[in-house]
Amino acid sequence: SKGTVKGLMPLVARLLDDRYKGAVGMPSR
């Protein structure tokens, strides 16, 4: 299931944090 955009946000945030160790931040909601 693709879920919702709300559910997608933490997955993308986790990927960015794992890959870039906080150097790349999430945009506003």
mmCIF file of all heavy atoms, coordinates in Angstrom:
data_MODEL
# 
_entry.id   MODEL 
# 
loop_
_atom_site.group_PDB 
_atom_site.id 
_atom_site.type_symbol 
_atom_site.label_atom_id 
_atom_site.label_alt_id 
_atom_site.label_comp_id 
_atom_site.label_asym_id 
_atom_site.label_entity_id 
_atom_site.label_seq_id 
_atom_site.pdbx_PDB_ins_code 
_atom_site.Cartn_x 
_atom_site.Cartn_y 
_atom_site.Cartn_z 
_atom_site.occupancy 
_atom_site.B_iso_or_equiv 
_atom_site.pdbx_formal_charge 
_atom_site.auth_seq_id 
_atom_site.auth_comp_id 
_atom_site.auth_asym_id 
_atom_site.auth_atom_id 
_atom_site.pdbx_PDB_model_num 
ATOM 1   N N   . SER A 1 1  ? 0.843  -1.185 0.000  1.00 0.00 ? 1  SER A N   1 
ATOM 2   C CA  . SER A 1 1  ? 0.000  0.000  0.000  1.00 0.00 ? 1  SER A CA  1 
ATOM 3   C C   . SER A 1 1  ? 0.882  1.239  0.000  1.00 0.00 ? 1  SER A C   1 
ATOM 4   O O   . SER A 1 1  ? 1.871  1.312  0.724  1.00 0.00 ? 1  SER A O   1 
ATOM 5   C CB  . SER A 1 1  ? -0.885 0.021  1.250  1.00 0.00 ? 1  SER A CB  1 
ATOM 6   O OG  . SER A 1 1  ? -1.535 1.270  1.371  1.00 0.00 ? 1  SER A OG  1 
ATOM 7   N N   . LYS A 1 2  ? 0.542  2.210  -0.811 1.00 0.00 ? 2  LYS A N   1 
ATOM 8   C CA  . LYS A 1 2  ? 1.317  3.452  -0.868 1.00 0.00 ? 2  LYS A CA  1 
ATOM 9   C C   . LYS A 1 2  ? 1.087  4.310  0.372  1.00 0.00 ? 2  LYS A C   1 
ATOM 10  O O   . LYS A 1 2  ? 1.855  5.203  0.662  1.00 0.00 ? 2  LYS A O   1 
ATOM 11  C CB  . LYS A 1 2  ? 0.964  4.258  -2.126 1.00 0.00 ? 2  LYS A CB  1 
ATOM 12  C CG  . LYS A 1 2  ? 1.311  3.542  -3.412 1.00 0.00 ? 2  LYS A CG  1 
ATOM 13  C CD  . LYS A 1 2  ? 2.805  3.382  -3.576 1.00 0.00 ? 2  LYS A CD  1 
ATOM 14  C CE  . LYS A 1 2  ? 3.156  2.828  -4.925 1.00 0.00 ? 2  LYS A CE  1 
ATOM 15  N NZ  . LYS A 1 2  ? 3.455  1.426  -4.971 1.00 0.00 ? 2  LYS A NZ  1 
ATOM 16  N N   . GLY A 1 3  ? 0.002  4.043  1.092  1.00 0.00 ? 3  GLY A N   1 
ATOM 17  C CA  . GLY A 1 3  ? -0.259 4.812  2.297  1.00 0.00 ? 3  GLY A CA  1 
ATOM 18  C C   . GLY A 1 3  ? -0.644 6.241  1.976  1.00 0.00 ? 3  GLY A C   1 
ATOM 19  O O   . GLY A 1 3  ? -1.240 6.520  0.951  1.00 0.00 ? 3  GLY A O   1 
ATOM 20  N N   . THR A 1 4  ? -0.249 7.143  2.846  1.00 0.00 ? 4  THR A N   1 
ATOM 21  C CA  . THR A 1 4  ? -0.583 8.552  2.687  1.00 0.00 ? 4  THR A CA  1 
ATOM 22  C C   . THR A 1 4  ? 0.699  9.376  2.656  1.00 0.00 ? 4  THR A C   1 
ATOM 23  O O   . THR A 1 4  ? 1.780  8.888  3.005  1.00 0.00 ? 4  THR A O   1 
ATOM 24  C CB  . THR A 1 4  ? -1.434 9.031  3.882  1.00 0.00 ? 4  THR A CB  1 
ATOM 25  O OG1 . THR A 1 4  ? -0.655 8.920  5.071  1.00 0.00 ? 4  THR A OG1 1 
ATOM 26  C CG2 . THR A 1 4  ? -2.713 8.218  4.018  1.00 0.00 ? 4  THR A CG2 1 
ATOM 27  N N   . VAL A 1 5  ? 0.555  10.615 2.263  1.00 0.00 ? 5  VAL A N   1 
ATOM 28  C CA  . VAL A 1 5  ? 1.706  11.520 2.279  1.00 0.00 ? 5  VAL A CA  1 
ATOM 29  C C   . VAL A 1 5  ? 2.187  11.681 3.714  1.00 0.00 ? 5  VAL A C   1 
ATOM 30  O O   . VAL A 1 5  ? 3.388  11.713 3.968  1.00 0.00 ? 5  VAL A O   1 
ATOM 31  C CB  . VAL A 1 5  ? 1.346  12.884 1.652  1.00 0.00 ? 5  VAL A CB  1 
ATOM 32  C CG1 . VAL A 1 5  ? 2.496  13.862 1.786  1.00 0.00 ? 5  VAL A CG1 1 
ATOM 33  C CG2 . VAL A 1 5  ? 0.975  12.708 0.188  1.00 0.00 ? 5  VAL A CG2 1 
ATOM 34  N N   . LYS A 1 6  ? 1.239  11.727 4.649  1.00 0.00 ? 6  LYS A N   1 
ATOM 35  C CA  . LYS A 1 6  ? 1.611  11.851 6.060  1.00 0.00 ? 6  LYS A CA  1 
ATOM 36  C C   . LYS A 1 6  ? 2.483  10.671 6.492  1.00 0.00 ? 6  LYS A C   1 
ATOM 37  O O   . LYS A 1 6  ? 3.446  10.828 7.238  1.00 0.00 ? 6  LYS A O   1 
ATOM 38  C CB  . LYS A 1 6  ? 0.356  11.924 6.924  1.00 0.00 ? 6  LYS A CB  1 
ATOM 39  C CG  . LYS A 1 6  ? 0.623  12.139 8.381  1.00 0.00 ? 6  LYS A CG  1 
ATOM 40  C CD  . LYS A 1 6  ? -0.669 12.252 9.154  1.00 0.00 ? 6  LYS A CD  1 
ATOM 41  C CE  . LYS A 1 6  ? -0.390 12.456 10.621 1.00 0.00 ? 6  LYS A CE  1 
ATOM 42  N NZ  . LYS A 1 6  ? -1.629 12.573 11.390 1.00 0.00 ? 6  LYS A NZ  1 
ATOM 43  N N   . GLY A 1 7  ? 2.178  9.473  6.015  1.00 0.00 ? 7  GLY A N   1 
ATOM 44  C CA  . GLY A 1 7  ? 2.974  8.301  6.337  1.00 0.00 ? 7  GLY A CA  1 
ATOM 45  C C   . GLY A 1 7  ? 4.288  8.250  5.584  1.00 0.00 ? 7  GLY A C   1 
ATOM 46  O O   . GLY A 1 7  ? 5.251  7.619  6.024  1.00 0.00 ? 7  GLY A O   1 
ATOM 47  N N   . LEU A 1 8  ? 4.336  8.918  4.439  1.00 0.00 ? 8  LEU A N   1 
ATOM 48  C CA  . LEU A 1 8  ? 5.544  8.953  3.623  1.00 0.00 ? 8  LEU A CA  1 
ATOM 49  C C   . LEU A 1 8  ? 6.622  9.843  4.245  1.00 0.00 ? 8  LEU A C   1 
ATOM 50  O O   . LEU A 1 8  ? 7.805  9.535  4.146  1.00 0.00 ? 8  LEU A O   1 
ATOM 51  C CB  . LEU A 1 8  ? 5.177  9.469  2.228  1.00 0.00 ? 8  LEU A CB  1 
ATOM 52  C CG  . LEU A 1 8  ? 6.252  9.546  1.171  1.00 0.00 ? 8  LEU A CG  1 
ATOM 53  C CD1 . LEU A 1 8  ? 6.773  8.156  0.841  1.00 0.00 ? 8  LEU A CD1 1 
ATOM 54  C CD2 . LEU A 1 8  ? 5.683  10.204 -0.094 1.00 0.00 ? 8  LEU A CD2 1 
ATOM 55  N N   . MET A 1 9  ? 6.189  10.889 4.911  1.00 0.00 ? 9  MET A N   1 
ATOM 56  C CA  . MET A 1 9  ? 7.131  11.861 5.472  1.00 0.00 ? 9  MET A CA  1 
ATOM 57  C C   . MET A 1 9  ? 8.170  11.237 6.405  1.00 0.00 ? 9  MET A C   1 
ATOM 58  O O   . MET A 1 9  ? 9.359  11.466 6.230  1.00 0.00 ? 9  MET A O   1 
ATOM 59  C CB  . MET A 1 9  ? 6.399  12.998 6.184  1.00 0.00 ? 9  MET A CB  1 
ATOM 60  C CG  . MET A 1 9  ? 5.740  13.965 5.238  1.00 0.00 ? 9  MET A CG  1 
ATOM 61  S SD  . MET A 1 9  ? 4.964  15.342 6.092  1.00 0.00 ? 9  MET A SD  1 
ATOM 62  C CE  . MET A 1 9  ? 6.417  16.249 6.589  1.00 0.00 ? 9  MET A CE  1 
ATOM 63  N N   . PRO A 1 10 ? 7.774  10.418 7.397  1.00 0.00 ? 10 PRO A N   1 
ATOM 64  C CA  . PRO A 1 10 ? 8.795  9.856  8.291  1.00 0.00 ? 10 PRO A CA  1 
ATOM 65  C C   . PRO A 1 10 ? 9.732  8.887  7.576  1.00 0.00 ? 10 PRO A C   1 
ATOM 66  O O   . PRO A 1 10 ? 10.909 8.776  7.939  1.00 0.00 ? 10 PRO A O   1 
ATOM 67  C CB  . PRO A 1 10 ? 8.003  9.161  9.391  1.00 0.00 ? 10 PRO A CB  1 
ATOM 68  C CG  . PRO A 1 10 ? 6.595  9.140  8.955  1.00 0.00 ? 10 PRO A CG  1 
ATOM 69  C CD  . PRO A 1 10 ? 6.425  10.119 7.852  1.00 0.00 ? 10 PRO A CD  1 
ATOM 70  N N   . LEU A 1 11 ? 9.228  8.194  6.562  1.00 0.00 ? 11 LEU A N   1 
ATOM 71  C CA  . LEU A 1 11 ? 10.086 7.276  5.814  1.00 0.00 ? 11 LEU A CA  1 
ATOM 72  C C   . LEU A 1 11 ? 11.156 8.038  5.041  1.00 0.00 ? 11 LEU A C   1 
ATOM 73  O O   . LEU A 1 11 ? 12.321 7.646  5.019  1.00 0.00 ? 11 LEU A O   1 
ATOM 74  C CB  . LEU A 1 11 ? 9.252  6.429  4.847  1.00 0.00 ? 11 LEU A CB  1 
ATOM 75  C CG  . LEU A 1 11 ? 8.213  5.513  5.493  1.00 0.00 ? 11 LEU A CG  1 
ATOM 76  C CD1 . LEU A 1 11 ? 7.351  4.849  4.428  1.00 0.00 ? 11 LEU A CD1 1 
ATOM 77  C CD2 . LEU A 1 11 ? 8.877  4.485  6.379  1.00 0.00 ? 11 LEU A CD2 1 
ATOM 78  N N   . VAL A 1 12 ? 10.758 9.148  4.429  1.00 0.00 ? 12 VAL A N   1 
ATOM 79  C CA  . VAL A 1 12 ? 11.715 9.977  3.695  1.00 0.00 ? 12 VAL A CA  1 
ATOM 80  C C   . VAL A 1 12 ? 12.693 10.628 4.669  1.00 0.00 ? 12 VAL A C   1 
ATOM 81  O O   . VAL A 1 12 ? 13.900 10.666 4.422  1.00 0.00 ? 12 VAL A O   1 
ATOM 82  C CB  . VAL A 1 12 ? 10.989 11.038 2.837  1.00 0.00 ? 12 VAL A CB  1 
ATOM 83  C CG1 . VAL A 1 12 ? 11.965 12.024 2.227  1.00 0.00 ? 12 VAL A CG1 1 
ATOM 84  C CG2 . VAL A 1 12 ? 10.161 10.354 1.749  1.00 0.00 ? 12 VAL A CG2 1 
ATOM 85  N N   . ALA A 1 13 ? 12.183 11.112 5.807  1.00 0.00 ? 13 ALA A N   1 
ATOM 86  C CA  . ALA A 1 13 ? 13.055 11.731 6.814  1.00 0.00 ? 13 ALA A CA  1 
ATOM 87  C C   . ALA A 1 13 ? 14.098 10.732 7.310  1.00 0.00 ? 13 ALA A C   1 
ATOM 88  O O   . ALA A 1 13 ? 15.277 11.078 7.456  1.00 0.00 ? 13 ALA A O   1 
ATOM 89  C CB  . ALA A 1 13 ? 12.223 12.255 7.981  1.00 0.00 ? 13 ALA A CB  1 
ATOM 90  N N   . ARG A 1 14 ? 13.680 9.482  7.538  1.00 0.00 ? 14 ARG A N   1 
ATOM 91  C CA  . ARG A 1 14 ? 14.606 8.454  8.007  1.00 0.00 ? 14 ARG A CA  1 
ATOM 92  C C   . ARG A 1 14 ? 15.666 8.164  6.945  1.00 0.00 ? 14 ARG A C   1 
ATOM 93  O O   . ARG A 1 14 ? 16.844 8.043  7.252  1.00 0.00 ? 14 ARG A O   1 
ATOM 94  C CB  . ARG A 1 14 ? 13.852 7.178  8.358  1.00 0.00 ? 14 ARG A CB  1 
ATOM 95  C CG  . ARG A 1 14 ? 14.729 6.143  9.028  1.00 0.00 ? 14 ARG A CG  1 
ATOM 96  C CD  . ARG A 1 14 ? 13.978 4.921  9.516  1.00 0.00 ? 14 ARG A CD  1 
ATOM 97  N NE  . ARG A 1 14 ? 12.719 5.261  10.148 1.00 0.00 ? 14 ARG A NE  1 
ATOM 98  C CZ  . ARG A 1 14 ? 11.552 4.685  9.841  1.00 0.00 ? 14 ARG A CZ  1 
ATOM 99  N NH1 . ARG A 1 14 ? 11.476 3.748  8.944  1.00 0.00 ? 14 ARG A NH1 1 
ATOM 100 N NH2 . ARG A 1 14 ? 10.452 5.044  10.479 1.00 0.00 ? 14 ARG A NH2 1 
ATOM 101 N N   . LEU A 1 15 ? 15.248 8.066  5.685  1.00 0.00 ? 15 LEU A N   1 
ATOM 102 C CA  . LEU A 1 15 ? 16.198 7.814  4.605  1.00 0.00 ? 15 LEU A CA  1 
ATOM 103 C C   . LEU A 1 15 ? 17.232 8.933  4.526  1.00 0.00 ? 15 LEU A C   1 
ATOM 104 O O   . LEU A 1 15 ? 18.427 8.680  4.426  1.00 0.00 ? 15 LEU A O   1 
ATOM 105 C CB  . LEU A 1 15 ? 15.466 7.682  3.259  1.00 0.00 ? 15 LEU A CB  1 
ATOM 106 C CG  . LEU A 1 15 ? 16.389 7.501  2.085  1.00 0.00 ? 15 LEU A CG  1 
ATOM 107 C CD1 . LEU A 1 15 ? 16.300 6.072  1.580  1.00 0.00 ? 15 LEU A CD1 1 
ATOM 108 C CD2 . LEU A 1 15 ? 16.051 8.458  0.979  1.00 0.00 ? 15 LEU A CD2 1 
ATOM 109 N N   . LEU A 1 16 ? 16.763 10.183 4.589  1.00 0.00 ? 16 LEU A N   1 
ATOM 110 C CA  . LEU A 1 16 ? 17.683 11.320 4.510  1.00 0.00 ? 16 LEU A CA  1 
ATOM 111 C C   . LEU A 1 16 ? 18.641 11.333 5.702  1.00 0.00 ? 16 LEU A C   1 
ATOM 112 O O   . LEU A 1 16 ? 19.831 11.597 5.534  1.00 0.00 ? 16 LEU A O   1 
ATOM 113 C CB  . LEU A 1 16 ? 16.905 12.634 4.438  1.00 0.00 ? 16 LEU A CB  1 
ATOM 114 C CG  . LEU A 1 16 ? 16.125 12.872 3.156  1.00 0.00 ? 16 LEU A CG  1 
ATOM 115 C CD1 . LEU A 1 16 ? 15.288 14.144 3.274  1.00 0.00 ? 16 LEU A CD1 1 
ATOM 116 C CD2 . LEU A 1 16 ? 17.040 12.942 1.946  1.00 0.00 ? 16 LEU A CD2 1 
ATOM 117 N N   . ASP A 1 17 ? 18.117 11.039 6.886  1.00 0.00 ? 17 ASP A N   1 
ATOM 118 C CA  . ASP A 1 17 ? 18.969 11.042 8.072  1.00 0.00 ? 17 ASP A CA  1 
ATOM 119 C C   . ASP A 1 17 ? 20.000 9.914  8.017  1.00 0.00 ? 17 ASP A C   1 
ATOM 120 O O   . ASP A 1 17 ? 21.174 10.125 8.325  1.00 0.00 ? 17 ASP A O   1 
ATOM 121 C CB  . ASP A 1 17 ? 18.121 10.928 9.334  1.00 0.00 ? 17 ASP A CB  1 
ATOM 122 C CG  . ASP A 1 17 ? 18.938 11.184 10.584 1.00 0.00 ? 17 ASP A CG  1 
ATOM 123 O OD1 . ASP A 1 17 ? 19.699 12.175 10.612 1.00 0.00 ? 17 ASP A OD1 1 
ATOM 124 O OD2 . ASP A 1 17 ? 18.829 10.380 11.535 1.00 0.00 ? 17 ASP A OD2 1 
ATOM 125 N N   . ASP A 1 18 ? 19.561 8.727  7.602  1.00 0.00 ? 18 ASP A N   1 
ATOM 126 C CA  . ASP A 1 18 ? 20.492 7.593  7.497  1.00 0.00 ? 18 ASP A CA  1 
ATOM 127 C C   . ASP A 1 18 ? 21.583 7.874  6.471  1.00 0.00 ? 18 ASP A C   1 
ATOM 128 O O   . ASP A 1 18 ? 22.745 7.570  6.690  1.00 0.00 ? 18 ASP A O   1 
ATOM 129 C CB  . ASP A 1 18 ? 19.759 6.311  7.095  1.00 0.00 ? 18 ASP A CB  1 
ATOM 130 C CG  . ASP A 1 18 ? 18.888 5.752  8.207  1.00 0.00 ? 18 ASP A CG  1 
ATOM 131 O OD1 . ASP A 1 18 ? 19.001 6.226  9.362  1.00 0.00 ? 18 ASP A OD1 1 
ATOM 132 O OD2 . ASP A 1 18 ? 18.074 4.851  7.911  1.00 0.00 ? 18 ASP A OD2 1 
ATOM 133 N N   . ARG A 1 19 ? 21.200 8.442  5.362  1.00 0.00 ? 19 ARG A N   1 
ATOM 134 C CA  . ARG A 1 19 ? 22.147 8.651  4.277  1.00 0.00 ? 19 ARG A CA  1 
ATOM 135 C C   . ARG A 1 19 ? 23.037 9.873  4.495  1.00 0.00 ? 19 ARG A C   1 
ATOM 136 O O   . ARG A 1 19 ? 24.222 9.835  4.195  1.00 0.00 ? 19 ARG A O   1 
ATOM 137 C CB  . ARG A 1 19 ? 21.384 8.806  2.960  1.00 0.00 ? 19 ARG A CB  1 
ATOM 138 C CG  . ARG A 1 19 ? 22.317 8.926  1.767  1.00 0.00 ? 19 ARG A CG  1 
ATOM 139 C CD  . ARG A 1 19 ? 21.633 8.721  0.465  1.00 0.00 ? 19 ARG A CD  1 
ATOM 140 N NE  . ARG A 1 19 ? 21.132 7.369  0.390  1.00 0.00 ? 19 ARG A NE  1 
ATOM 141 C CZ  . ARG A 1 19 ? 20.151 6.986  -0.410 1.00 0.00 ? 19 ARG A CZ  1 
ATOM 142 N NH1 . ARG A 1 19 ? 19.586 7.852  -1.200 1.00 0.00 ? 19 ARG A NH1 1 
ATOM 143 N NH2 . ARG A 1 19 ? 19.751 5.743  -0.425 1.00 0.00 ? 19 ARG A NH2 1 
ATOM 144 N N   . TYR A 1 20 ? 22.465 10.967 4.997  1.00 0.00 ? 20 TYR A N   1 
ATOM 145 C CA  . TYR A 1 20 ? 23.207 12.232 5.069  1.00 0.00 ? 20 TYR A CA  1 
ATOM 146 C C   . TYR A 1 20 ? 23.510 12.691 6.491  1.00 0.00 ? 20 TYR A C   1 
ATOM 147 O O   . TYR A 1 20 ? 24.058 13.766 6.686  1.00 0.00 ? 20 TYR A O   1 
ATOM 148 C CB  . TYR A 1 20 ? 22.450 13.324 4.307  1.00 0.00 ? 20 TYR A CB  1 
ATOM 149 C CG  . TYR A 1 20 ? 22.267 12.974 2.857  1.00 0.00 ? 20 TYR A CG  1 
ATOM 150 C CD1 . TYR A 1 20 ? 21.032 12.561 2.371  1.00 0.00 ? 20 TYR A CD1 1 
ATOM 151 C CD2 . TYR A 1 20 ? 23.335 13.024 1.971  1.00 0.00 ? 20 TYR A CD2 1 
ATOM 152 C CE1 . TYR A 1 20 ? 20.863 12.218 1.034  1.00 0.00 ? 20 TYR A CE1 1 
ATOM 153 C CE2 . TYR A 1 20 ? 23.177 12.693 0.635  1.00 0.00 ? 20 TYR A CE2 1 
ATOM 154 C CZ  . TYR A 1 20 ? 21.938 12.292 0.176  1.00 0.00 ? 20 TYR A CZ  1 
ATOM 155 O OH  . TYR A 1 20 ? 21.777 11.942 -1.143 1.00 0.00 ? 20 TYR A OH  1 
ATOM 156 N N   . LYS A 1 21 ? 23.157 11.884 7.474  1.00 0.00 ? 21 LYS A N   1 
ATOM 157 C CA  . LYS A 1 21 ? 23.489 12.155 8.883  1.00 0.00 ? 21 LYS A CA  1 
ATOM 158 C C   . LYS A 1 21 ? 23.130 13.572 9.325  1.00 0.00 ? 21 LYS A C   1 
ATOM 159 O O   . LYS A 1 21 ? 23.914 14.255 9.978  1.00 0.00 ? 21 LYS A O   1 
ATOM 160 C CB  . LYS A 1 21 ? 24.974 11.895 9.144  1.00 0.00 ? 21 LYS A CB  1 
ATOM 161 C CG  . LYS A 1 21 ? 25.454 10.547 8.700  1.00 0.00 ? 21 LYS A CG  1 
ATOM 162 C CD  . LYS A 1 21 ? 24.777 9.436  9.454  1.00 0.00 ? 21 LYS A CD  1 
ATOM 163 C CE  . LYS A 1 21 ? 25.338 8.098  8.992  1.00 0.00 ? 21 LYS A CE  1 
ATOM 164 N NZ  . LYS A 1 21 ? 24.387 7.040  8.979  1.00 0.00 ? 21 LYS A NZ  1 
ATOM 165 N N   . GLY A 1 22 ? 21.946 14.024 8.939  1.00 0.00 ? 22 GLY A N   1 
ATOM 166 C CA  . GLY A 1 22 ? 21.464 15.325 9.371  1.00 0.00 ? 22 GLY A CA  1 
ATOM 167 C C   . GLY A 1 22 ? 21.901 16.494 8.508  1.00 0.00 ? 22 GLY A C   1 
ATOM 168 O O   . GLY A 1 22 ? 21.492 17.621 8.747  1.00 0.00 ? 22 GLY A O   1 
ATOM 169 N N   . ALA A 1 23 ? 22.736 16.252 7.497  1.00 0.00 ? 23 ALA A N   1 
ATOM 170 C CA  . ALA A 1 23 ? 23.209 17.345 6.646  1.00 0.00 ? 23 ALA A CA  1 
ATOM 171 C C   . ALA A 1 23 ? 22.134 17.821 5.663  1.00 0.00 ? 23 ALA A C   1 
ATOM 172 O O   . ALA A 1 23 ? 22.208 18.930 5.157  1.00 0.00 ? 23 ALA A O   1 
ATOM 173 C CB  . ALA A 1 23 ? 24.459 16.922 5.872  1.00 0.00 ? 23 ALA A CB  1 
ATOM 174 N N   . VAL A 1 24 ? 21.143 16.972 5.407  1.00 0.00 ? 24 VAL A N   1 
ATOM 175 C CA  . VAL A 1 24 ? 20.038 17.325 4.512  1.00 0.00 ? 24 VAL A CA  1 
ATOM 176 C C   . VAL A 1 24 ? 18.771 17.245 5.332  1.00 0.00 ? 24 VAL A C   1 
ATOM 177 O O   . VAL A 1 24 ? 18.446 16.186 5.873  1.00 0.00 ? 24 VAL A O   1 
ATOM 178 C CB  . VAL A 1 24 ? 19.953 16.363 3.305  1.00 0.00 ? 24 VAL A CB  1 
ATOM 179 C CG1 . VAL A 1 24 ? 18.731 16.670 2.461  1.00 0.00 ? 24 VAL A CG1 1 
ATOM 180 C CG2 . VAL A 1 24 ? 21.218 16.434 2.473  1.00 0.00 ? 24 VAL A CG2 1 
ATOM 181 N N   . GLY A 1 25 ? 18.073 18.358 5.438  1.00 0.00 ? 25 GLY A N   1 
ATOM 182 C CA  . GLY A 1 25 ? 16.867 18.393 6.249  1.00 0.00 ? 25 GLY A CA  1 
ATOM 183 C C   . GLY A 1 25 ? 15.610 18.226 5.422  1.00 0.00 ? 25 GLY A C   1 
ATOM 184 O O   . GLY A 1 25 ? 15.630 18.330 4.199  1.00 0.00 ? 25 GLY A O   1 
ATOM 185 N N   . MET A 1 26 ? 14.537 17.945 6.113  1.00 0.00 ? 26 MET A N   1 
ATOM 186 C CA  . MET A 1 26 ? 13.229 17.835 5.478  1.00 0.00 ? 26 MET A CA  1 
ATOM 187 C C   . MET A 1 26 ? 12.658 19.231 5.278  1.00 0.00 ? 26 MET A C   1 
ATOM 188 O O   . MET A 1 26 ? 12.847 20.109 6.109  1.00 0.00 ? 26 MET A O   1 
ATOM 189 C CB  . MET A 1 26 ? 12.276 17.057 6.390  1.00 0.00 ? 26 MET A CB  1 
ATOM 190 C CG  . MET A 1 26 ? 12.511 15.580 6.405  1.00 0.00 ? 26 MET A CG  1 
ATOM 191 S SD  . MET A 1 26 ? 12.004 14.774 4.894  1.00 0.00 ? 26 MET A SD  1 
ATOM 192 C CE  . MET A 1 26 ? 10.224 14.902 4.999  1.00 0.00 ? 26 MET A CE  1 
ATOM 193 N N   . PRO A 1 27 ? 11.920 19.419 4.185  1.00 0.00 ? 27 PRO A N   1 
ATOM 194 C CA  . PRO A 1 27 ? 11.210 20.688 4.017  1.00 0.00 ? 27 PRO A CA  1 
ATOM 195 C C   . PRO A 1 27 ? 10.032 20.735 4.993  1.00 0.00 ? 27 PRO A C   1 
ATOM 196 O O   . PRO A 1 27 ? 9.703  19.721 5.632  1.00 0.00 ? 27 PRO A O   1 
ATOM 197 C CB  . PRO A 1 27 ? 10.720 20.629 2.567  1.00 0.00 ? 27 PRO A CB  1 
ATOM 198 C CG  . PRO A 1 27 ? 10.607 19.178 2.255  1.00 0.00 ? 27 PRO A CG  1 
ATOM 199 C CD  . PRO A 1 27 ? 11.693 18.505 3.067  1.00 0.00 ? 27 PRO A CD  1 
ATOM 200 N N   . SER A 1 28 ? 9.400  21.876 5.070  1.00 0.00 ? 28 SER A N   1 
ATOM 201 C CA  . SER A 1 28 ? 8.211  21.983 5.915  1.00 0.00 ? 28 SER A CA  1 
ATOM 202 C C   . SER A 1 28 ? 7.144  21.022 5.397  1.00 0.00 ? 28 SER A C   1 
ATOM 203 O O   . SER A 1 28 ? 7.193  20.558 4.256  1.00 0.00 ? 28 SER A O   1 
ATOM 204 C CB  . SER A 1 28 ? 7.666  23.410 5.891  1.00 0.00 ? 28 SER A CB  1 
ATOM 205 O OG  . SER A 1 28 ? 7.090  23.674 4.616  1.00 0.00 ? 28 SER A OG  1 
ATOM 206 N N   . ARG A 1 29 ? 6.171  20.725 6.234  1.00 0.00 ? 29 ARG A N   1 
ATOM 207 C CA  . ARG A 1 29 ? 5.101  19.817 5.832  1.00 0.00 ? 29 ARG A CA  1 
ATOM 208 C C   . ARG A 1 29 ? 4.363  20.342 4.603  1.00 0.00 ? 29 ARG A C   1 
ATOM 209 O O   . ARG A 1 29 ? 4.085  19.588 3.671  1.00 0.00 ? 29 ARG A O   1 
ATOM 210 C CB  . ARG A 1 29 ? 4.124  19.603 6.983  1.00 0.00 ? 29 ARG A CB  1 
ATOM 211 C CG  . ARG A 1 29 ? 3.022  18.631 6.598  1.00 0.00 ? 29 ARG A CG  1 
ATOM 212 C CD  . ARG A 1 29 ? 2.089  18.296 7.721  1.00 0.00 ? 29 ARG A CD  1 
ATOM 213 N NE  . ARG A 1 29 ? 1.897  19.404 8.629  1.00 0.00 ? 29 ARG A NE  1 
ATOM 214 C CZ  . ARG A 1 29 ? 1.348  19.317 9.812  1.00 0.00 ? 29 ARG A CZ  1 
ATOM 215 N NH1 . ARG A 1 29 ? 0.943  18.159 10.243 1.00 0.00 ? 29 ARG A NH1 1 
ATOM 216 N NH2 . ARG A 1 29 ? 1.197  20.370 10.578 1.00 0.00 ? 29 ARG A NH2 1 
# 
